[in-house]
Amino acid sequence: MSWTEVRRDDRIVEYERSDGHATLRLRRGPNAWHVRFDRLHQSPEGRGYDSRRFDDEDAARDTLDAWKTEYDVTDE
């Protein structure tokens, strides 16, 4: 599957997984960056959530990219 950008503004970039069951979000706060993964209860994999805070934008973006791979699912 793949991730599609569904939101972009001056603070948030959000991606939705192609099955519609999960999102990834990169958010710029006043003093830090946050990366969040959220998977719906209805997903065949079940509910999932993870959130991390970073002082460094590059580290946040690296985590976002890693999570795109880690939380992707293969088409069957």
PDB file of N, CA and C in Angstrom:
ATOM      1  N   MET A   1       0.846  -1.177   0.000  1.00  0.00           N
ATOM      2  CA  MET A   1       0.000   0.000   0.000  1.00  0.00           C
ATOM      3  C   MET A   1       0.884   1.230   0.000  1.00  0.00           C
ATOM      4  N   SER A   2       0.249   2.353   0.014  1.00  0.00           N
ATOM      5  CA  SER A   2       1.014   3.589  -0.024  1.00  0.00           C
ATOM      6  C   SER A   2       0.352   4.648   0.856  1.00  0.00           C
ATOM      7  N   TRP A   3       1.050   5.731   1.035  1.00  0.00           N
ATOM      8  CA  TRP A   3       0.576   6.852   1.831  1.00  0.00           C
ATOM      9  C   TRP A   3       0.329   8.041   0.914  1.00  0.00           C
ATOM     10  N   THR A   4      -0.792   8.729   1.135  1.00  0.00           N
ATOM     11  CA  THR A   4      -1.153   9.904   0.355  1.00  0.00           C
ATOM     12  C   THR A   4      -1.254  11.101   1.278  1.00  0.00           C
ATOM     13  N   GLU A   5      -0.643  12.192   0.869  1.00  0.00           N
ATOM     14  CA  GLU A   5      -0.756  13.421   1.652  1.00  0.00           C
ATOM     15  C   GLU A   5      -2.194  13.931   1.576  1.00  0.00           C
ATOM     16  N   VAL A   6      -2.828  14.137   2.736  1.00  0.00           N
ATOM     17  CA  VAL A   6      -4.215  14.591   2.773  1.00  0.00           C
ATOM     18  C   VAL A   6      -4.364  15.965   3.412  1.00  0.00           C
ATOM     19  N   ARG A   7      -3.289  16.458   4.016  1.00  0.00           N
ATOM     20  CA  ARG A   7      -3.342  17.784   4.628  1.00  0.00           C
ATOM     21  C   ARG A   7      -1.944  18.383   4.669  1.00  0.00           C
ATOM     22  N   ARG A   8      -1.872  19.662   4.360  1.00  0.00           N
ATOM     23  CA  ARG A   8      -0.612  20.398   4.493  1.00  0.00           C
ATOM     24  C   ARG A   8      -0.953  21.855   4.763  1.00  0.00           C
ATOM     25  N   ASP A   9      -0.453  22.358   5.873  1.00  0.00           N
ATOM     26  CA  ASP A   9      -0.555  23.779   6.161  1.00  0.00           C
ATOM     27  C   ASP A   9       0.732  24.215   6.842  1.00  0.00           C
ATOM     28  N   ASP A  10       0.738  25.383   7.465  1.00  0.00           N
ATOM     29  CA  ASP A  10       1.986  25.890   8.035  1.00  0.00           C
ATOM     30  C   ASP A  10       2.450  25.128   9.275  1.00  0.00           C
ATOM     31  N   ARG A  11       1.611  24.276   9.857  1.00  0.00           N
ATOM     32  CA  ARG A  11       1.976  23.527  11.058  1.00  0.00           C
ATOM     33  C   ARG A  11       1.908  22.014  10.916  1.00  0.00           C
ATOM     34  N   ILE A  12       1.061  21.505  10.021  1.00  0.00           N
ATOM     35  CA  ILE A  12       0.778  20.064   9.972  1.00  0.00           C
ATOM     36  C   ILE A  12       0.903  19.528   8.556  1.00  0.00           C
ATOM     37  N   VAL A  13       1.525  18.349   8.461  1.00  0.00           N
ATOM     38  CA  VAL A  13       1.483  17.535   7.241  1.00  0.00           C
ATOM     39  C   VAL A  13       0.932  16.188   7.679  1.00  0.00           C
ATOM     40  N   GLU A  14      -0.143  15.741   7.018  1.00  0.00           N
ATOM     41  CA  GLU A  14      -0.770  14.468   7.392  1.00  0.00           C
ATOM     42  C   GLU A  14      -0.894  13.561   6.174  1.00  0.00           C
ATOM     43  N   TYR A  15      -0.650  12.271   6.405  1.00  0.00           N
ATOM     44  CA  TYR A  15      -0.736  11.248   5.366  1.00  0.00           C
ATOM     45  C   TYR A  15      -1.754  10.198   5.786  1.00  0.00           C
ATOM     46  N   GLU A  16      -2.475   9.680   4.793  1.00  0.00           N
ATOM     47  CA  GLU A  16      -3.422   8.594   5.039  1.00  0.00           C
ATOM     48  C   GLU A  16      -2.960   7.368   4.260  1.00  0.00           C
ATOM     49  N   ARG A  17      -3.019   6.214   4.912  1.00  0.00           N
ATOM     50  CA  ARG A  17      -2.668   4.961   4.247  1.00  0.00           C
ATOM     51  C   ARG A  17      -3.747   4.632   3.226  1.00  0.00           C
ATOM     52  N   SER A  18      -3.382   3.988   2.141  1.00  0.00           N
ATOM     53  CA  SER A  18      -4.321   3.768   1.032  1.00  0.00           C
ATOM     54  C   SER A  18      -5.542   2.944   1.417  1.00  0.00           C
ATOM     55  N   ASP A  19      -5.473   2.148   2.496  1.00  0.00           N
ATOM     56  CA  ASP A  19      -6.666   1.412   2.923  1.00  0.00           C
ATOM     57  C   ASP A  19      -7.591   2.261   3.791  1.00  0.00           C
ATOM     58  N   GLY A  20      -7.166   3.483   4.124  1.00  0.00           N
ATOM     59  CA  GLY A  20      -7.990   4.392   4.917  1.00  0.00           C
ATOM     60  C   GLY A  20      -8.026   4.088   6.403  1.00  0.00           C
ATOM     61  N   HIS A  21      -7.255   3.104   6.860  1.00  0.00           N
ATOM     62  CA  HIS A  21      -7.306   2.686   8.258  1.00  0.00           C
ATOM     63  C   HIS A  21      -6.243   3.314   9.147  1.00  0.00           C
ATOM     64  N   ALA A  22      -5.337   4.117   8.573  1.00  0.00           N
ATOM     65  CA  ALA A  22      -4.260   4.675   9.391  1.00  0.00           C
ATOM     66  C   ALA A  22      -3.826   6.033   8.850  1.00  0.00           C
ATOM     67  N   THR A  23      -3.346   6.874   9.765  1.00  0.00           N
ATOM     68  CA  THR A  23      -2.786   8.164   9.388  1.00  0.00           C
ATOM     69  C   THR A  23      -1.456   8.383  10.106  1.00  0.00           C
ATOM     70  N   LEU A  24      -0.623   9.182   9.464  1.00  0.00           N
ATOM     71  CA  LEU A  24       0.620   9.665  10.054  1.00  0.00           C
ATOM     72  C   LEU A  24       0.584  11.178  10.003  1.00  0.00           C
ATOM     73  N   ARG A  25       1.054  11.817  11.070  1.00  0.00           N
ATOM     74  CA  ARG A  25       1.025  13.278  11.122  1.00  0.00           C
ATOM     75  C   ARG A  25       2.346  13.811  11.641  1.00  0.00           C
ATOM     76  N   LEU A  26       2.853  14.825  10.957  1.00  0.00           N
ATOM     77  CA  LEU A  26       4.009  15.591  11.408  1.00  0.00           C
ATOM     78  C   LEU A  26       3.493  16.972  11.775  1.00  0.00           C
ATOM     79  N   ARG A  27       3.743  17.384  13.017  1.00  0.00           N
ATOM     80  CA  ARG A  27       3.236  18.680  13.484  1.00  0.00           C
ATOM     81  C   ARG A  27       4.369  19.502  14.081  1.00  0.00           C
ATOM     82  N   ARG A  28       4.407  20.755  13.693  1.00  0.00           N
ATOM     83  CA  ARG A  28       5.376  21.689  14.250  1.00  0.00           C
ATOM     84  C   ARG A  28       4.706  22.445  15.376  1.00  0.00           C
ATOM     85  N   GLY A  29       5.233  22.278  16.576  1.00  0.00           N
ATOM     86  CA  GLY A  29       4.730  23.011  17.727  1.00  0.00           C
ATOM     87  C   GLY A  29       5.584  24.242  17.977  1.00  0.00           C
ATOM     88  N   PRO A  30       5.288  24.984  19.032  1.00  0.00           N
ATOM     89  CA  PRO A  30       6.059  26.200  19.296  1.00  0.00           C
ATOM     90  C   PRO A  30       7.521  25.920  19.673  1.00  0.00           C
ATOM     91  N   ASN A  31       7.778  24.773  20.279  1.00  0.00           N
ATOM     92  CA  ASN A  31       9.139  24.476  20.731  1.00  0.00           C
ATOM     93  C   ASN A  31       9.633  23.090  20.340  1.00  0.00           C
ATOM     94  N   ALA A  32       8.835  22.355  19.584  1.00  0.00           N
ATOM     95  CA  ALA A  32       9.215  20.981  19.255  1.00  0.00           C
ATOM     96  C   ALA A  32       8.431  20.503  18.039  1.00  0.00           C
ATOM     97  N   TRP A  33       8.848  19.345  17.535  1.00  0.00           N
ATOM     98  CA  TRP A  33       8.176  18.653  16.450  1.00  0.00           C
ATOM     99  C   TRP A  33       7.538  17.393  17.012  1.00  0.00           C
ATOM    100  N   HIS A  34       6.369  17.014  16.490  1.00  0.00           N
ATOM    101  CA  HIS A  34       5.681  15.801  16.947  1.00  0.00           C
ATOM    102  C   HIS A  34       5.338  14.939  15.736  1.00  0.00           C
ATOM    103  N   VAL A  35       5.526  13.642  15.890  1.00  0.00           N
ATOM    104  CA  VAL A  35       5.131  12.677  14.866  1.00  0.00           C
ATOM    105  C   VAL A  35       4.149  11.718  15.524  1.00  0.00           C
ATOM    106  N   ARG A  36       3.024  11.485  14.852  1.00  0.00           N
ATOM    107  CA  ARG A  36       1.968  10.656  15.420  1.00  0.00           C
ATOM    108  C   ARG A  36       1.482   9.639  14.396  1.00  0.00           C
ATOM    109  N   PHE A  37       1.321   8.392  14.844  1.00  0.00           N
ATOM    110  CA  PHE A  37       0.715   7.325  14.055  1.00  0.00           C
ATOM    111  C   PHE A  37      -0.593   6.956  14.730  1.00  0.00           C
ATOM    112  N   ASP A  38      -1.665   6.810  13.943  1.00  0.00           N
ATOM    113  CA  ASP A  38      -2.973   6.440  14.507  1.00  0.00           C
ATOM    114  C   ASP A  38      -3.650   5.465  13.557  1.00  0.00           C
ATOM    115  N   ARG A  39      -3.993   4.270  14.082  1.00  0.00           N
ATOM    116  CA  ARG A  39      -4.687   3.253  13.283  1.00  0.00           C
ATOM    117  C   ARG A  39      -6.037   2.978  13.922  1.00  0.00           C
ATOM    118  N   LEU A  40      -7.068   2.901  13.111  1.00  0.00           N
ATOM    119  CA  LEU A  40      -8.442   2.714  13.573  1.00  0.00           C
ATOM    120  C   LEU A  40      -8.681   1.343  14.201  1.00  0.00           C
ATOM    121  N   HIS A  41      -9.648   1.283  15.100  1.00  0.00           N
ATOM    122  CA  HIS A  41     -10.091   0.012  15.684  1.00  0.00           C
ATOM    123  C   HIS A  41     -10.563  -0.947  14.590  1.00  0.00           C
ATOM    124  N   GLN A  42     -11.174  -0.409  13.532  1.00  0.00           N
ATOM    125  CA  GLN A  42     -11.742  -1.227  12.460  1.00  0.00           C
ATOM    126  C   GLN A  42     -10.687  -1.871  11.569  1.00  0.00           C
ATOM    127  N   SER A  43      -9.447  -1.481  11.717  1.00  0.00           N
ATOM    128  CA  SER A  43      -8.387  -2.046  10.895  1.00  0.00           C
ATOM    129  C   SER A  43      -8.246  -3.537  11.156  1.00  0.00           C
ATOM    130  N   PRO A  44      -7.975  -4.341  10.137  1.00  0.00           N
ATOM    131  CA  PRO A  44      -7.727  -5.768  10.352  1.00  0.00           C
ATOM    132  C   PRO A  44      -6.579  -6.019  11.337  1.00  0.00           C
ATOM    133  N   GLU A  45      -5.668  -5.052  11.449  1.00  0.00           N
ATOM    134  CA  GLU A  45      -4.551  -5.169  12.390  1.00  0.00           C
ATOM    135  C   GLU A  45      -4.942  -4.763  13.808  1.00  0.00           C
ATOM    136  N   GLY A  46      -6.115  -4.146  13.955  1.00  0.00           N
ATOM    137  CA  GLY A  46      -6.540  -3.638  15.255  1.00  0.00           C
ATOM    138  C   GLY A  46      -6.009  -2.239  15.500  1.00  0.00           C
ATOM    139  N   ARG A  47      -6.445  -1.672  16.590  1.00  0.00           N
ATOM    140  CA  ARG A  47      -6.075  -0.312  16.971  1.00  0.00           C
ATOM    141  C   ARG A  47      -4.574  -0.191  17.188  1.00  0.00           C
ATOM    142  N   GLY A  48      -4.013   0.950  16.796  1.00  0.00           N
ATOM    143  CA  GLY A  48      -2.603   1.214  17.024  1.00  0.00           C
ATOM    144  C   GLY A  48      -2.364   2.705  17.175  1.00  0.00           C
ATOM    145  N   TYR A  49      -1.451   3.060  18.045  1.00  0.00           N
ATOM    146  CA  TYR A  49      -1.138   4.475  18.259  1.00  0.00           C
ATOM    147  C   TYR A  49       0.295   4.605  18.749  1.00  0.00           C
ATOM    148  N   ASP A  50       0.990   5.597  18.231  1.00  0.00           N
ATOM    149  CA  ASP A  50       2.317   5.944  18.719  1.00  0.00           C
ATOM    150  C   ASP A  50       2.515   7.432  18.493  1.00  0.00           C
ATOM    151  N   SER A  51       3.235   8.076  19.391  1.00  0.00           N
ATOM    152  CA  SER A  51       3.487   9.501  19.290  1.00  0.00           C
ATOM    153  C   SER A  51       4.862   9.788  19.873  1.00  0.00           C
ATOM    154  N   ARG A  52       5.625  10.627  19.181  1.00  0.00           N
ATOM    155  CA  ARG A  52       6.959  10.981  19.665  1.00  0.00           C
ATOM    156  C   ARG A  52       7.204  12.474  19.494  1.00  0.00           C
ATOM    157  N   ARG A  53       7.975  13.024  20.406  1.00  0.00           N
ATOM    158  CA  ARG A  53       8.332  14.440  20.385  1.00  0.00           C
ATOM    159  C   ARG A  53       9.814  14.566  20.051  1.00  0.00           C
ATOM    160  N   PHE A  54      10.153  15.575  19.237  1.00  0.00           N
ATOM    161  CA  PHE A  54      11.536  15.805  18.820  1.00  0.00           C
ATOM    162  C   PHE A  54      11.870  17.286  18.912  1.00  0.00           C
ATOM    163  N   ASP A  55      13.088  17.570  19.311  1.00  0.00           N
ATOM    164  CA  ASP A  55      13.571  18.950  19.299  1.00  0.00           C
ATOM    165  C   ASP A  55      14.108  19.320  17.923  1.00  0.00           C
ATOM    166  N   ASP A  56      14.398  18.303  17.112  1.00  0.00           N
ATOM    167  CA  ASP A  56      15.055  18.480  15.821  1.00  0.00           C
ATOM    168  C   ASP A  56      14.115  18.096  14.676  1.00  0.00           C
ATOM    169  N   GLU A  57      13.941  18.981  13.712  1.00  0.00           N
ATOM    170  CA  GLU A  57      13.060  18.704  12.573  1.00  0.00           C
ATOM    171  C   GLU A  57      13.533  17.502  11.759  1.00  0.00           C
ATOM    172  N   ASP A  58      14.836  17.397  11.526  1.00  0.00           N
ATOM    173  CA  ASP A  58      15.345  16.283  10.724  1.00  0.00           C
ATOM    174  C   ASP A  58      15.039  14.937  11.370  1.00  0.00           C
ATOM    175  N   ALA A  59      15.202  14.848  12.682  1.00  0.00           N
ATOM    176  CA  ALA A  59      14.893  13.594  13.390  1.00  0.00           C
ATOM    177  C   ALA A  59      13.411  13.269  13.285  1.00  0.00           C
ATOM    178  N   ALA A  60      12.558  14.273  13.361  1.00  0.00           N
ATOM    179  CA  ALA A  60      11.110  14.056  13.236  1.00  0.00           C
ATOM    180  C   ALA A  60      10.776  13.545  11.839  1.00  0.00           C
ATOM    181  N   ARG A  61      11.344  14.161  10.826  1.00  0.00           N
ATOM    182  CA  ARG A  61      11.071  13.736   9.446  1.00  0.00           C
ATOM    183  C   ARG A  61      11.634  12.341   9.167  1.00  0.00           C
ATOM    184  N   ASP A  62      12.786  12.025   9.743  1.00  0.00           N
ATOM    185  CA  ASP A  62      13.345  10.679   9.587  1.00  0.00           C
ATOM    186  C   ASP A  62      12.418   9.632  10.201  1.00  0.00           C
ATOM    187  N   THR A  63      11.857   9.944  11.357  1.00  0.00           N
ATOM    188  CA  THR A  63      10.917   9.025  12.010  1.00  0.00           C
ATOM    189  C   THR A  63       9.649   8.875  11.174  1.00  0.00           C
ATOM    190  N   LEU A  64       9.132   9.969  10.652  1.00  0.00           N
ATOM    191  CA  LEU A  64       7.958   9.905   9.787  1.00  0.00           C
ATOM    192  C   LEU A  64       8.217   8.974   8.606  1.00  0.00           C
ATOM    193  N   ASP A  65       9.354   9.122   7.953  1.00  0.00           N
ATOM    194  CA  ASP A  65       9.686   8.263   6.811  1.00  0.00           C
ATOM    195  C   ASP A  65       9.820   6.799   7.226  1.00  0.00           C
ATOM    196  N   ALA A  66      10.443   6.557   8.371  1.00  0.00           N
ATOM    197  CA  ALA A  66      10.590   5.176   8.859  1.00  0.00           C
ATOM    198  C   ALA A  66       9.230   4.567   9.172  1.00  0.00           C
ATOM    199  N   TRP A  67       8.346   5.345   9.763  1.00  0.00           N
ATOM    200  CA  TRP A  67       7.020   4.835  10.106  1.00  0.00           C
ATOM    201  C   TRP A  67       6.177   4.556   8.871  1.00  0.00           C
ATOM    202  N   LYS A  68       6.389   5.304   7.787  1.00  0.00           N
ATOM    203  CA  LYS A  68       5.672   5.011   6.539  1.00  0.00           C
ATOM    204  C   LYS A  68       5.964   3.582   6.095  1.00  0.00           C
ATOM    205  N   THR A  69       7.192   3.158   6.283  1.00  0.00           N
ATOM    206  CA  THR A  69       7.566   1.779   5.939  1.00  0.00           C
ATOM    207  C   THR A  69       7.079   0.799   6.984  1.00  0.00           C
ATOM    208  N   GLU A  70       7.334   1.108   8.248  1.00  0.00           N
ATOM    209  CA  GLU A  70       6.983   0.185   9.352  1.00  0.00           C
ATOM    210  C   GLU A  70       5.479  -0.079   9.433  1.00  0.00           C
ATOM    211  N   TYR A  71       4.658   0.938   9.235  1.00  0.00           N
ATOM    212  CA  TYR A  71       3.212   0.789   9.412  1.00  0.00           C
ATOM    213  C   TYR A  71       2.460   0.602   8.102  1.00  0.00           C
ATOM    214  N   ASP A  72       3.167   0.424   7.023  1.00  0.00           N
ATOM    215  CA  ASP A  72       2.518   0.116   5.751  1.00  0.00           C
ATOM    216  C   ASP A  72       2.058  -1.347   5.779  1.00  0.00           C
ATOM    217  N   VAL A  73       1.122  -1.686   4.953  1.00  0.00           N
ATOM    218  CA  VAL A  73       0.693  -3.078   4.811  1.00  0.00           C
ATOM    219  C   VAL A  73       0.742  -3.427   3.333  1.00  0.00           C
ATOM    220  N   THR A  74       0.958  -4.678   3.041  1.00  0.00           N
ATOM    221  CA  THR A  74       1.054  -5.098   1.649  1.00  0.00           C
ATOM    222  C   THR A  74      -0.323  -5.438   1.099  1.00  0.00           C
ATOM    223  N   ASP A  75      -0.508  -5.146  -0.164  1.00  0.00           N
ATOM    224  CA  ASP A  75      -1.763  -5.526  -0.842  1.00  0.00           C
ATOM    225  C   ASP A  75      -1.803  -7.032  -0.978  1.00  0.00           C
ATOM    226  N   GLU A  76      -2.963  -7.593  -0.749  1.00  0.00           N
ATOM    227  CA  GLU A  76      -3.108  -9.052  -0.882  1.00  0.00           C
ATOM    228  C   GLU A  76      -3.970  -9.409  -2.047  1.00  0.00           C
TER     229      GLU A  76
END
